[in-house]
Protein backbone atom coordinates (compact mmCIF):
# COMPACT_ATOMS: atom_id res chain seq x y z
CA MET A 1 2.37 -9.70 34.91
CA LYS A 2 5.55 -7.95 35.24
CA ASN A 3 5.21 -4.12 35.46
CA PHE A 4 8.15 -1.83 34.76
CA LEU A 5 8.67 1.89 34.52
CA LEU A 6 11.41 3.50 32.48
CA SER A 7 12.02 7.29 32.63
CA ILE A 8 14.10 9.65 30.80
CA THR A 9 14.03 13.49 30.64
CA ILE A 10 12.73 16.09 28.05
CA ILE A 11 11.37 19.57 27.60
CA GLY A 12 7.98 20.99 26.70
CA CYS A 13 5.86 21.16 23.67
CA TYR A 14 3.36 23.57 22.45
CA MET A 15 -0.41 22.72 22.70
CA THR A 16 -3.06 24.68 21.01
CA LEU A 17 -6.03 24.01 19.79
CA SER A 18 -23.40 29.34 14.99
CA SER A 19 -25.45 30.22 13.58
CA CYS A 20 -27.51 28.98 16.37
CA SER A 21 -29.89 31.86 17.04
CA ILE A 22 -29.07 31.56 20.78
CA LYS A 23 -31.54 33.58 22.87
CA PRO A 24 -29.84 35.85 25.36
CA HIS A 25 -29.65 34.28 28.64
CA ASN A 26 -31.66 35.77 31.54
CA ASN A 27 -28.35 36.34 33.41
CA THR A 28 -28.54 39.06 36.00
CA ALA A 29 -25.21 38.27 37.63
CA LYS A 30 -22.76 41.24 37.44
CA PRO A 31 -19.96 40.72 35.03
CA ILE A 32 -16.78 39.31 36.70
CA ALA A 33 -13.29 40.46 35.94
CA HIS A 34 -12.11 38.28 33.04
CA SER A 35 -8.35 38.36 33.59
CA GLN A 36 -7.66 34.57 33.37
CA THR A 37 -4.13 33.66 33.03
CA LEU A 38 -3.74 31.87 29.57
CA ILE A 39 -1.89 28.66 30.04
CA GLN A 40 0.74 28.08 27.38
CA ASN A 41 3.37 26.05 29.23
CA ASP A 42 3.31 23.90 32.34
CA SER A 43 5.67 21.39 33.92
CA ASN A 44 3.98 18.48 32.35
CA GLU A 45 3.81 19.52 28.74
CA ASP A 46 6.86 17.48 27.82
CA LYS A 47 5.87 14.08 29.07
CA ILE A 48 5.22 11.01 27.05
CA LEU A 49 3.85 7.73 28.16
CA VAL A 50 4.84 4.69 26.23
CA PHE A 51 2.64 1.69 26.74
CA SER A 52 3.32 -1.85 25.46
CA LYS A 53 0.85 -4.14 27.29
CA THR A 54 -0.28 -7.39 25.32
CA ASN A 55 -3.12 -9.66 25.87
CA GLY A 56 -2.67 -11.62 22.58
CA TRP A 57 0.34 -11.99 20.39
CA ARG A 58 3.65 -10.47 21.81
CA HIS A 59 6.10 -8.84 19.40
CA LYS A 60 9.66 -9.48 19.90
CA SER A 61 10.35 -6.17 18.76
CA ILE A 62 8.70 -4.40 21.82
CA PRO A 63 12.04 -3.95 23.64
CA SER A 64 13.73 -2.50 20.49
CA GLY A 65 10.68 -0.14 20.05
CA ILE A 66 11.10 1.14 23.66
CA ALA A 67 14.95 1.37 23.28
CA ALA A 68 14.54 3.53 20.11
CA LEU A 69 12.07 5.73 21.82
CA LYS A 70 14.37 6.20 24.78
CA LYS A 71 17.11 7.25 22.49
CA MET A 72 14.85 9.44 20.57
CA GLY A 73 13.78 11.03 23.78
CA LEU A 74 17.38 11.75 24.74
CA GLU A 75 17.94 13.35 21.43
CA ASN A 76 14.95 15.46 21.34
CA ASN A 77 14.85 16.42 25.19
CA TRP A 78 11.61 14.45 25.71
CA HIS A 79 10.74 12.90 29.09
CA ILE A 80 9.33 9.28 28.54
CA ASP A 81 7.74 7.04 31.01
CA ALA A 82 7.39 3.54 29.64
CA THR A 83 4.93 0.93 31.27
CA GLU A 84 2.80 -2.14 30.82
CA ASP A 85 0.75 -1.36 33.85
CA SER A 86 -2.92 -0.43 32.67
CA LEU A 87 -3.58 1.03 36.16
CA GLN A 88 -1.61 3.97 34.90
CA PHE A 89 -4.66 4.72 32.77
CA ASN A 90 -6.57 6.86 35.24
CA TYR A 91 -7.37 10.47 34.55
CA GLU A 92 -5.14 12.03 37.18
CA ASN A 93 -2.22 10.24 35.75
CA LEU A 94 -2.86 10.57 32.06
CA LYS A 95 -3.38 14.30 32.26
CA LYS A 96 0.33 14.65 33.10
CA TYR A 97 1.24 13.50 29.54
CA LYS A 98 0.97 15.36 26.29
CA THR A 99 1.06 12.11 24.15
CA LEU A 100 0.57 8.41 24.52
CA VAL A 101 2.57 6.00 22.33
CA PHE A 102 1.29 2.42 21.94
CA VAL A 103 4.14 0.19 21.03
CA ASN A 104 2.84 -3.13 19.54
CA THR A 105 0.03 -3.36 22.12
CA THR A 106 -2.32 -6.21 21.50
CA GLY A 107 -5.78 -7.54 22.66
CA ASP A 108 -8.17 -6.09 25.39
CA ILE A 109 -5.80 -4.17 27.60
CA LEU A 110 -7.95 -1.57 29.38
CA ASN A 111 -11.08 -2.01 31.50
CA SER A 112 -14.15 0.22 31.11
CA GLN A 113 -13.00 2.75 33.72
CA GLN A 114 -9.49 2.86 32.09
CA GLU A 115 -11.23 3.40 28.66
CA GLN A 116 -13.24 6.28 30.01
CA ALA A 117 -10.02 7.90 31.30
CA PHE A 118 -8.40 7.42 27.92
CA LYS A 119 -11.35 8.97 26.17
CA ARG A 120 -11.47 12.05 28.37
CA TYR A 121 -7.73 12.56 27.79
CA ILE A 122 -8.17 12.46 23.98
CA ASN A 123 -11.29 14.83 24.37
CA GLU A 124 -9.32 17.21 26.26
CA GLY A 125 -6.55 17.47 23.65
CA GLY A 126 -4.20 14.66 24.27
CA GLY A 127 -1.99 13.16 21.53
CA PHE A 128 -1.87 9.53 20.51
CA VAL A 129 0.81 7.51 18.33
CA GLY A 130 0.03 3.98 17.55
CA ILE A 131 2.71 1.72 16.18
CA HIS A 132 1.95 -1.60 14.15
CA SER A 133 -0.18 -3.79 16.28
CA ALA A 134 -1.68 -0.81 18.02
CA SER A 135 -4.32 -1.76 15.41
CA ASP A 136 -4.65 -5.36 16.91
CA THR A 137 -5.78 -3.69 20.14
CA GLU A 138 -9.25 -3.09 21.83
CA HIS A 139 -11.34 -4.69 18.98
CA ASP A 140 -14.49 -4.43 20.71
CA TRP A 141 -14.34 -0.79 21.81
CA PRO A 142 -16.04 1.50 19.13
CA PHE A 143 -14.31 4.63 20.29
CA TYR A 144 -10.82 3.04 19.89
CA ALA A 145 -11.87 1.61 16.60
CA GLN A 146 -12.57 5.09 15.31
CA LEU A 147 -9.42 6.52 16.79
CA ILE A 148 -7.12 3.93 15.48
CA GLY A 149 -8.66 3.89 11.97
CA GLY A 150 -8.29 0.24 10.99
CA HIS A 151 -8.29 -3.12 12.99
CA PHE A 152 -5.89 -5.90 12.16
CA LYS A 153 -7.37 -8.95 10.36
CA SER A 154 -4.54 -10.78 8.77
CA HIS A 155 -1.04 -10.57 7.08
CA PRO A 156 0.94 -12.25 4.33
CA ALA A 157 4.41 -13.51 5.00
CA GLN A 158 6.98 -10.87 6.01
CA GLN A 159 8.40 -9.31 2.81
CA THR A 160 9.43 -6.18 0.95
CA ALA A 161 6.64 -4.13 -0.40
CA THR A 162 6.38 -0.72 -2.26
CA LEU A 163 4.75 2.08 -0.46
CA LYS A 164 3.22 5.06 -2.13
CA VAL A 165 3.69 8.40 -0.29
CA HIS A 166 0.76 10.78 -0.17
CA LYS A 167 2.61 13.93 -0.55
CA GLU A 168 -0.51 15.95 -1.10
CA ASN A 169 -1.23 15.72 2.62
CA ASN A 170 1.87 17.66 3.49
CA HIS A 171 2.44 16.06 6.83
CA PRO A 172 6.08 16.33 8.34
CA SER A 173 6.21 12.53 8.96
CA ILE A 174 6.54 11.82 5.19
CA ALA A 175 8.53 14.88 4.05
CA HIS A 176 11.75 13.08 3.82
CA TYR A 177 10.41 10.20 1.71
CA GLY A 178 10.19 10.36 -2.26
CA ASP A 179 7.06 9.52 -4.02
CA SER A 180 7.41 5.93 -3.18
CA PHE A 181 9.84 3.60 -1.31
CA GLN A 182 10.42 -0.10 -0.66
CA LYS A 183 10.40 -1.47 2.81
CA PHE A 184 10.55 -4.97 4.43
CA ASP A 185 8.12 -5.52 7.26
CA GLU A 186 4.93 -7.37 8.15
CA TRP A 187 1.99 -5.82 6.27
CA TYR A 188 -1.35 -5.80 8.00
CA ASN A 189 -4.68 -6.28 6.14
CA PHE A 190 -7.65 -4.67 8.00
CA LYS A 191 -11.00 -6.08 8.79
CA LYS A 192 -12.73 -3.10 7.10
CA PRO A 193 -11.63 -0.36 4.84
CA VAL A 194 -9.74 2.16 6.79
CA VAL A 195 -12.16 4.76 8.14
CA SER A 196 -12.79 7.80 5.81
CA HIS A 197 -12.02 10.48 8.45
CA VAL A 198 -8.27 9.77 8.43
CA ASN A 199 -5.60 11.46 6.14
CA VAL A 200 -3.62 8.76 4.53
CA LEU A 201 0.23 9.20 4.54
CA LEU A 202 1.34 5.82 3.18
CA GLU A 203 -0.41 3.42 0.98
CA LEU A 204 0.68 -0.10 0.13
CA ASP A 205 1.14 -1.08 -3.53
CA GLU A 206 -0.64 -4.42 -3.36
CA SER A 207 0.94 -5.48 -6.75
CA SER A 208 4.38 -5.19 -5.12
CA TYR A 209 4.06 -8.23 -2.84
CA THR A 210 2.69 -11.75 -2.69
CA GLY A 211 0.07 -13.38 -0.27
CA GLU A 212 -3.20 -12.15 1.23
CA ARG A 213 -4.30 -8.64 0.26
CA MET A 214 -7.23 -6.42 1.15
CA GLY A 215 -8.10 -6.05 -2.69
CA ILE A 216 -8.91 -2.29 -2.19
CA LYS A 217 -7.00 0.81 -1.35
CA HIS A 218 -4.58 -0.18 1.39
CA PRO A 219 -3.43 2.69 3.60
CA ILE A 220 -0.75 1.76 6.00
CA ALA A 221 -0.04 5.04 7.80
CA TRP A 222 -2.33 7.96 8.50
CA TYR A 223 -3.06 10.87 10.80
CA HIS A 224 -6.28 12.73 11.93
CA HIS A 225 -7.73 15.05 14.43
CA PHE A 226 -10.20 12.93 16.29
CA GLU A 227 -12.54 14.10 19.04
CA GLY A 228 -10.19 16.73 20.42
CA GLY A 229 -6.82 14.96 20.01
CA ARG A 230 -4.01 14.47 17.45
CA ILE A 231 -3.84 10.81 16.25
CA PHE A 232 -1.03 9.25 14.30
CA PHE A 233 -0.63 5.69 13.22
CA THR A 234 2.04 3.79 11.31
CA GLY A 235 1.65 0.18 10.38
CA MET A 236 5.40 -0.47 10.30
CA GLY A 237 7.28 -1.70 13.27
CA HIS A 238 6.94 -5.59 13.38
CA THR A 239 10.72 -6.28 13.21
CA ASN A 240 13.66 -5.20 15.23
CA GLU A 241 15.38 -4.00 12.22
CA THR A 242 12.55 -1.47 11.54
CA PHE A 243 13.49 0.28 14.80
CA GLU A 244 17.02 0.65 13.59
CA ASP A 245 15.93 2.17 10.15
CA ALA A 246 16.82 5.84 10.00
CA ASN A 247 14.02 6.57 7.67
CA PHE A 248 11.32 4.87 9.84
CA LEU A 249 12.65 6.62 13.06
CA LYS A 250 12.36 9.92 11.15
CA HIS A 251 8.80 9.12 10.18
CA LEU A 252 8.04 8.12 13.74
CA LYS A 253 9.75 11.08 15.37
CA GLU A 254 7.96 13.56 13.14
CA GLY A 255 4.72 11.73 13.88
CA ILE A 256 5.32 12.14 17.62
CA LEU A 257 6.24 15.84 17.22
CA TRP A 258 2.95 16.42 15.38
CA ALA A 259 1.08 14.56 18.16
CA LEU A 260 2.81 16.88 20.67
CA HIS A 261 1.52 20.03 18.85
CA LYS A 262 5.29 21.08 18.09
CA THR A 263 4.78 20.80 14.35
CA HIS A 264 1.75 21.43 12.18
CA VAL A 265 0.46 20.51 8.66
CA ALA A 266 1.21 23.56 6.64
CA LEU A 267 -1.28 24.94 4.09
CA ASN A 268 -0.28 25.45 0.58
CA GLU A 269 1.38 28.77 0.36
CA LYS A 270 -0.75 29.64 -2.62
CA GLY A 271 -3.91 28.67 -0.78
CA GLU A 272 -6.25 25.73 -1.18
CA ASN A 273 -9.77 25.15 -2.70
CA LEU A 274 -11.70 23.40 0.14
CA LEU A 275 -14.58 22.18 -2.20
CA ASP A 276 -14.45 19.32 -4.66
CA LYS A 277 -17.05 16.82 -5.86
CA ASP A 278 -16.18 14.18 -3.37
CA LEU A 279 -15.83 16.64 -0.19
CA LYS A 280 -12.49 14.91 0.32
CA LYS A 281 -11.25 17.43 2.84
CA TRP A 282 -14.26 17.16 5.05
CA ASP A 283 -16.16 14.92 7.40
CA VAL A 284 -19.86 15.19 8.37
CA TRP A 285 -21.37 15.21 11.81
CA MET A 286 -25.01 14.82 12.01
CA GLY A 287 -27.01 15.81 15.02
CA GLY A 288 -30.41 14.61 16.35
CA VAL A 289 -33.32 14.01 13.87
CA HIS A 290 -36.64 15.97 14.23
CA THR A 291 -39.85 13.96 14.18
CA SER A 292 -40.94 15.68 11.00
CA VAL A 293 -38.01 14.02 8.99
CA ASP A 294 -38.88 10.93 7.06
CA LEU A 295 -36.18 8.58 8.45
CA ASP A 296 -36.38 5.32 10.25
CA VAL A 297 -34.25 6.27 13.28
CA GLU A 298 -34.75 7.58 16.83
CA LYS A 299 -36.20 11.07 16.67
CA SER A 300 -36.99 13.99 19.05
CA LYS A 301 -39.03 17.22 18.90
CA ASP A 302 -36.09 18.85 20.72
CA VAL A 303 -33.10 18.24 18.14
CA LYS A 304 -30.78 19.95 20.71
CA THR A 305 -30.97 17.04 22.92
CA GLY A 306 -31.79 14.20 20.44
CA LYS A 307 -29.45 11.29 19.79
CA PRO A 308 -26.94 12.33 17.00
CA LEU A 309 -26.64 10.33 13.81
CA GLY A 310 -22.97 10.76 14.46
CA LEU A 311 -19.80 10.74 12.18
CA ASN A 312 -20.09 10.43 8.37
CA ASN A 313 -23.63 9.12 8.67
CA ASP A 314 -25.63 11.51 6.51
CA PRO A 315 -28.43 9.38 5.04
CA LYS A 316 -30.62 12.28 3.76
CA LYS A 317 -27.62 13.74 1.90
CA VAL A 318 -27.92 16.99 3.72
CA PHE A 319 -24.40 17.98 2.52
CA SER A 320 -23.59 17.47 -1.21
CA ILE A 321 -21.76 19.10 -4.23
CA ILE A 322 -24.00 20.04 -7.16
CA GLU A 323 -22.72 21.57 -10.38
CA GLU A 324 -24.22 24.81 -11.72
CA ASP A 325 -23.00 26.50 -14.89
CA GLY A 326 -19.85 24.58 -14.56
CA GLU A 327 -19.17 25.48 -10.85
CA GLU A 328 -19.08 23.01 -8.00
CA ILE A 329 -21.38 24.19 -5.44
CA LEU A 330 -21.99 23.04 -1.93
CA LYS A 331 -25.63 22.31 -1.31
CA ILE A 332 -26.95 22.15 2.33
CA THR A 333 -30.59 21.02 2.42
CA GLY A 334 -30.91 21.95 6.21
CA GLU A 335 -33.30 19.24 6.90
CA ILE A 336 -31.23 17.77 9.81
CA TYR A 337 -28.99 19.85 12.10
CA GLY A 338 -25.34 19.00 11.36
CA GLY A 339 -21.86 20.18 10.57
CA LEU A 340 -19.59 19.71 7.56
CA THR A 341 -16.25 19.59 9.33
CA THR A 342 -12.67 19.93 8.03
CA LYS A 343 -10.52 17.04 8.50
CA ASN A 344 -7.64 19.20 9.19
CA GLU A 345 -7.26 21.95 11.79
CA TYR A 346 -6.11 25.46 10.40
CA ARG A 347 -4.13 28.34 11.84
CA ASN A 348 -3.19 31.85 10.52
CA TYR A 349 -5.25 32.03 7.37
CA HIS A 350 -7.66 33.95 5.37
CA PHE A 351 -11.03 31.97 4.65
CA LYS A 352 -13.27 33.18 1.80
CA THR A 353 -16.43 31.93 0.42
CA GLN A 354 -19.70 32.98 -1.43
CA PHE A 355 -22.99 32.07 -0.10
CA LYS A 356 -26.75 32.42 -0.99
CA TRP A 357 -30.11 31.17 0.48
CA GLY A 358 -32.28 28.56 -1.03
CA ASP A 359 -36.05 28.46 -0.55
CA LYS A 360 -36.60 25.56 1.75
CA LYS A 361 -36.94 25.83 5.56
CA TRP A 362 -37.61 22.97 7.99
CA GLU A 363 -38.77 22.07 11.51
CA PRO A 364 -37.92 23.32 14.21
CA ARG A 365 -37.37 26.64 12.48
CA LEU A 366 -40.18 26.87 9.94
CA ASN A 367 -41.33 30.29 11.34
CA ASP A 368 -37.73 31.68 12.21
CA LYS A 369 -35.19 33.42 9.93
CA ARG A 370 -33.05 31.37 7.62
CA ASP A 371 -30.08 30.26 9.56
CA SER A 372 -26.60 28.75 9.09
CA GLY A 373 -23.23 29.52 10.13
CA ILE A 374 -19.41 29.15 9.86
CA LEU A 375 -17.77 27.82 12.78
CA TYR A 376 -13.88 28.18 13.20
CA HIS A 377 -11.34 27.38 15.71
CA ALA A 378 -13.58 24.51 16.49
CA LYS A 379 -12.10 22.32 19.42
CA GLY A 380 -12.68 19.17 21.32
CA PRO A 381 -15.21 16.42 20.62
CA HIS A 382 -18.17 16.60 18.10
CA GLY A 383 -21.55 17.39 19.56
CA ALA A 384 -20.23 19.46 22.45
CA PHE A 385 -22.82 22.05 21.64
CA TRP A 386 -26.46 20.87 21.39
CA ASN A 387 -25.16 17.48 20.48
CA VAL A 388 -24.49 18.81 17.00
CA TRP A 389 -21.46 21.40 16.77
CA MET A 390 -17.95 21.61 18.39
CA ALA A 391 -16.96 24.35 20.77
CA SER A 392 -16.00 27.09 18.55
CA LEU A 393 -16.07 30.70 17.45
CA GLU A 394 -19.04 31.48 14.99
CA PHE A 395 -19.39 33.73 12.06
CA GLN A 396 -23.15 33.96 12.07
CA VAL A 397 -24.86 33.36 8.69
CA GLN A 398 -28.38 34.41 9.37
CA GLU A 399 -30.97 36.55 7.56
CA GLY A 400 -30.11 40.22 8.55
CA ASP A 401 -27.29 38.97 10.96
CA CYS A 402 -24.35 37.85 8.83
CA GLY A 403 -21.21 38.60 10.44
CA ASP A 404 -22.47 38.44 14.05
CA PHE A 405 -20.15 36.61 16.51
CA ILE A 406 -21.35 33.94 18.71
CA ALA A 407 -19.30 31.93 21.14
CA LEU A 408 -20.23 28.33 21.24
CA GLY A 409 -19.46 26.31 24.27
CA ASN A 410 -16.03 26.81 25.98
CA VAL A 411 -14.24 28.59 22.97
CA TYR A 412 -14.79 32.24 23.37
CA GLY A 413 -13.26 35.59 23.08
CA ASP A 414 -13.38 39.48 23.35
CA VAL A 415 -15.04 41.90 21.08
CA PRO A 416 -14.42 45.56 20.97
CA ALA A 417 -18.05 46.43 21.46
CA GLU A 418 -20.56 49.08 22.61
CA ARG A 419 -22.89 47.93 25.32
CA LYS A 420 -26.49 48.61 24.71
CA VAL A 421 -29.73 47.87 26.59
CA ARG A 422 -32.98 46.50 25.18
CA SER A 423 -36.44 47.93 26.40
CA ASN A 424 -36.74 44.91 28.82
CA GLY A 425 -33.52 45.87 30.42
CA SER A 426 -31.28 43.01 29.11
CA PRO A 427 -27.94 44.06 27.64
CA TYR A 428 -26.52 43.47 24.20
CA PHE A 429 -23.28 44.26 22.35
CA VAL A 430 -22.62 45.62 18.99
CA TYR A 431 -19.05 45.56 17.55
CA SER A 432 -17.21 48.97 17.37
CA PRO A 433 -13.57 49.44 16.50
CA THR A 434 -13.45 52.12 19.31
CA GLY A 435 -15.53 49.93 21.67
CA LYS A 436 -14.42 48.33 24.94
CA ASN A 437 -12.91 44.89 24.72
CA THR A 438 -15.74 42.77 26.19
CA PRO A 439 -15.40 39.20 27.11
CA LEU A 440 -18.30 37.26 25.53
CA LYS A 441 -19.35 33.65 26.58
CA TRP A 442 -22.62 32.01 27.40
CA ASP A 443 -21.77 31.33 30.99
CA THR A 444 -22.39 32.62 34.58
CA GLY A 445 -20.52 35.91 35.02
CA PHE A 446 -20.72 37.00 31.44
CA GLU A 447 -23.46 39.44 30.20
CA SER A 448 -23.66 37.79 26.85
CA GLY A 449 -21.97 35.35 24.32
CA GLN A 450 -22.71 37.33 21.33
CA ALA A 451 -21.85 40.51 19.57
CA SER A 452 -23.89 41.92 16.66
CA LYS A 453 -22.16 43.17 13.52
CA SER A 454 -21.41 46.75 13.13
CA ILE A 455 -23.44 47.23 9.87
CA LEU A 456 -25.77 45.33 7.70
CA ASN A 457 -24.10 44.61 4.39
CA GLU A 458 -25.99 41.76 2.95
CA ASN A 459 -27.35 41.28 -0.42
CA PRO A 460 -31.06 40.43 -0.88
CA ASN A 461 -32.16 36.64 -0.44
CA GLY A 462 -31.24 34.67 -3.51
CA GLN A 463 -28.14 36.68 -4.43
CA TRP A 464 -24.53 35.65 -3.68
CA ASN A 465 -22.78 37.20 -0.81
CA THR A 466 -19.00 37.03 0.00
CA LEU A 467 -17.92 36.25 3.42
CA GLU A 468 -14.45 36.33 4.80
CA ILE A 469 -12.62 35.50 8.07
CA TYR A 470 -8.97 36.49 8.77
CA CYS A 471 -7.48 34.50 11.51
CA LEU A 472 -4.12 35.49 13.00
CA GLU A 473 -3.03 33.79 16.18
CA ASN A 474 -5.91 34.24 18.65
CA GLU A 475 -7.53 37.22 16.77
CA SER A 476 -9.98 37.19 13.94
CA ILE A 477 -11.98 39.62 11.66
CA HIS A 478 -15.36 39.10 10.02
CA LEU A 479 -16.11 40.64 6.59
CA VAL A 480 -19.52 40.66 4.63
CA ASN A 481 -19.23 41.75 1.06
CA GLY A 482 -15.79 43.46 1.67
CA LYS A 483 -16.72 45.35 4.76
CA VAL A 484 -15.36 44.64 8.24
CA VAL A 485 -18.43 43.96 10.50
CA ASN A 486 -16.82 42.34 13.43
CA ARG A 487 -13.60 41.31 15.29
CA VAL A 488 -12.63 38.85 18.06
CA LYS A 489 -9.74 39.19 20.16
CA ASN A 490 -7.97 36.99 22.71
CA ALA A 491 -9.79 33.70 21.73
CA ARG A 492 -9.40 31.13 24.35
CA TYR A 493 -10.62 27.76 25.33
CA ASN A 494 -11.64 26.31 28.78
CA VAL A 495 -10.45 22.77 28.93
CA ALA A 496 -9.22 20.38 31.69
CA GLY A 497 -9.51 23.05 34.28
CA LYS A 498 -7.27 25.43 32.31
CA THR A 499 -7.82 28.40 29.97
CA ILE A 500 -5.57 28.15 26.92
CA PRO A 501 -5.19 30.54 23.99
CA VAL A 502 -6.77 29.41 20.77
CA ASN A 503 -4.99 29.95 17.41
CA GLU A 504 -6.10 27.04 15.46
CA GLY A 505 -8.99 24.45 14.92
CA LYS A 506 -11.35 22.88 12.52
CA ILE A 507 -13.83 24.75 10.38
CA GLN A 508 -17.54 23.64 10.33
CA ILE A 509 -20.23 24.75 8.03
CA GLN A 510 -23.60 24.40 9.73
CA SER A 511 -26.78 22.82 8.51
CA GLU A 512 -29.65 24.52 10.77
CA ALA A 513 -33.05 24.04 9.14
CA ALA A 514 -32.54 26.33 6.15
CA GLU A 515 -31.44 25.50 2.47
CA VAL A 516 -28.16 27.27 1.70
CA TYR A 517 -25.50 27.19 -1.07
CA TYR A 518 -21.81 27.84 -0.82
CA LYS A 519 -19.13 28.14 -3.47
CA ASN A 520 -15.56 29.32 -4.25
CA MET A 521 -14.47 28.31 -0.65
CA THR A 522 -10.85 28.96 -0.31
CA ILE A 523 -8.25 29.23 2.53
CA THR A 524 -4.94 30.91 2.20
CA PRO A 525 -2.04 31.16 4.84
CA ILE A 526 -1.29 34.67 6.19
CA ASN A 527 1.60 35.90 8.41
CA ASN A 528 0.12 39.33 9.07
CA PHE A 529 -3.33 41.05 8.86
CA PRO A 530 -3.51 43.13 5.60
CA LYS A 531 -2.32 46.67 5.98
CA LYS A 532 -5.92 47.89 5.28
CA PHE A 533 -7.00 46.53 8.63
CA HIS A 534 -4.24 48.08 10.77
CA LYS A 535 -6.45 51.20 11.50
CA LEU A 536 -8.74 48.91 13.35
């Protein structure tokens, strides 16, 4: 095999990124000085690795694709290394790059150690862009199958087809297209329907061409946030001419910029309703199954360490939409620990919803308070915490404790709080606008990972409550029924040996052994905190 390395120079990109009734740690260590430098820029932020190894069909357009990316790099001040050497896929090398671009790769191109390095890279926030036959790659690797979204099966003859543009997904890579357009290329059919956790950008109109079709919805370009990374795929790119097409190059450039965290998918300026009958804006991650559940799967009495059911595998319909008095309501049975997770990450927003408790409770919390939670700025892979939830900040939803703050995993922050001491000598913290900024994380050197709300402002069980979270950059404010009850500052994330500021992430709604209902769930962009909070 001939290995080659091409390099050109560029500048940096910007990377960002429960109600778990956690018992206080028996942590007697003195608090350390938490003055970590938050990493926002480093010398490697701007690097892209272009990979074009093939172990199957080799596209004649690969040199054209690499040349187009080199030119794009010069125009956008990117530094690009291009290689076909799979030995480059080791952790120490991959962590130098902000995004990987697979240009018409095919076949089995990574060994098991290289796959693990790739997976770790994605889990730690790396970007990935796949072009055309990147979907004809690593057919036997389940992680890659979920990442790429669809695996090549067949294609009709090369021809012109009409592509529908999914403008509702508001991604910068399709902003320059109209509602539809025509394009000549080689159009792939996929072995299975494209995975449901992607956001479709372009869809083939199967009536516009001849030959073999999928016979169902036929996405051909999409993006998603997957296991910590940003993933962009476009099915165009078979021909040399495609890499000379200005519209395609704009599409590809914007996909790369998004994978680099330099651009974002903007919220509708008027806000968005997050709930619909099909939960189209959400995925489900289900955790371990308790032995009391009537389900023929591996079970455990300790659901915190049990084998997760995984992504979009909810056989007991723990999460569903019901209709009540003409309203669409999210019902969470609570029977299995899990998280309803937004497909998108959000930044600078006002989240608002109503909730009330149901009657049912389940093992392992039959004798405990009803418990749920809203997790936000959720980062990294699913199941990082108790094999169920992502690392995140939590707005606690629990009887008598709504609005508490809990740090889950390696996402944490500071709360203005008063330090208090229980009768057994253990410390705890209560939010106070005039309190000392206190770093909170369940880890050695921290006294606690939780701050209680300042006041109890819940309605009685069975009545609806209004919960709100205002997030602006790496600060957030918790409200219960219109009253500020908590505040988090300096949100941050420990990842890949660095501490980075957190100002965006997914939102998760927990299932944690209690029946609970949510409605009127909206998210609206903000540029500043409302004036009424300035006195805080």
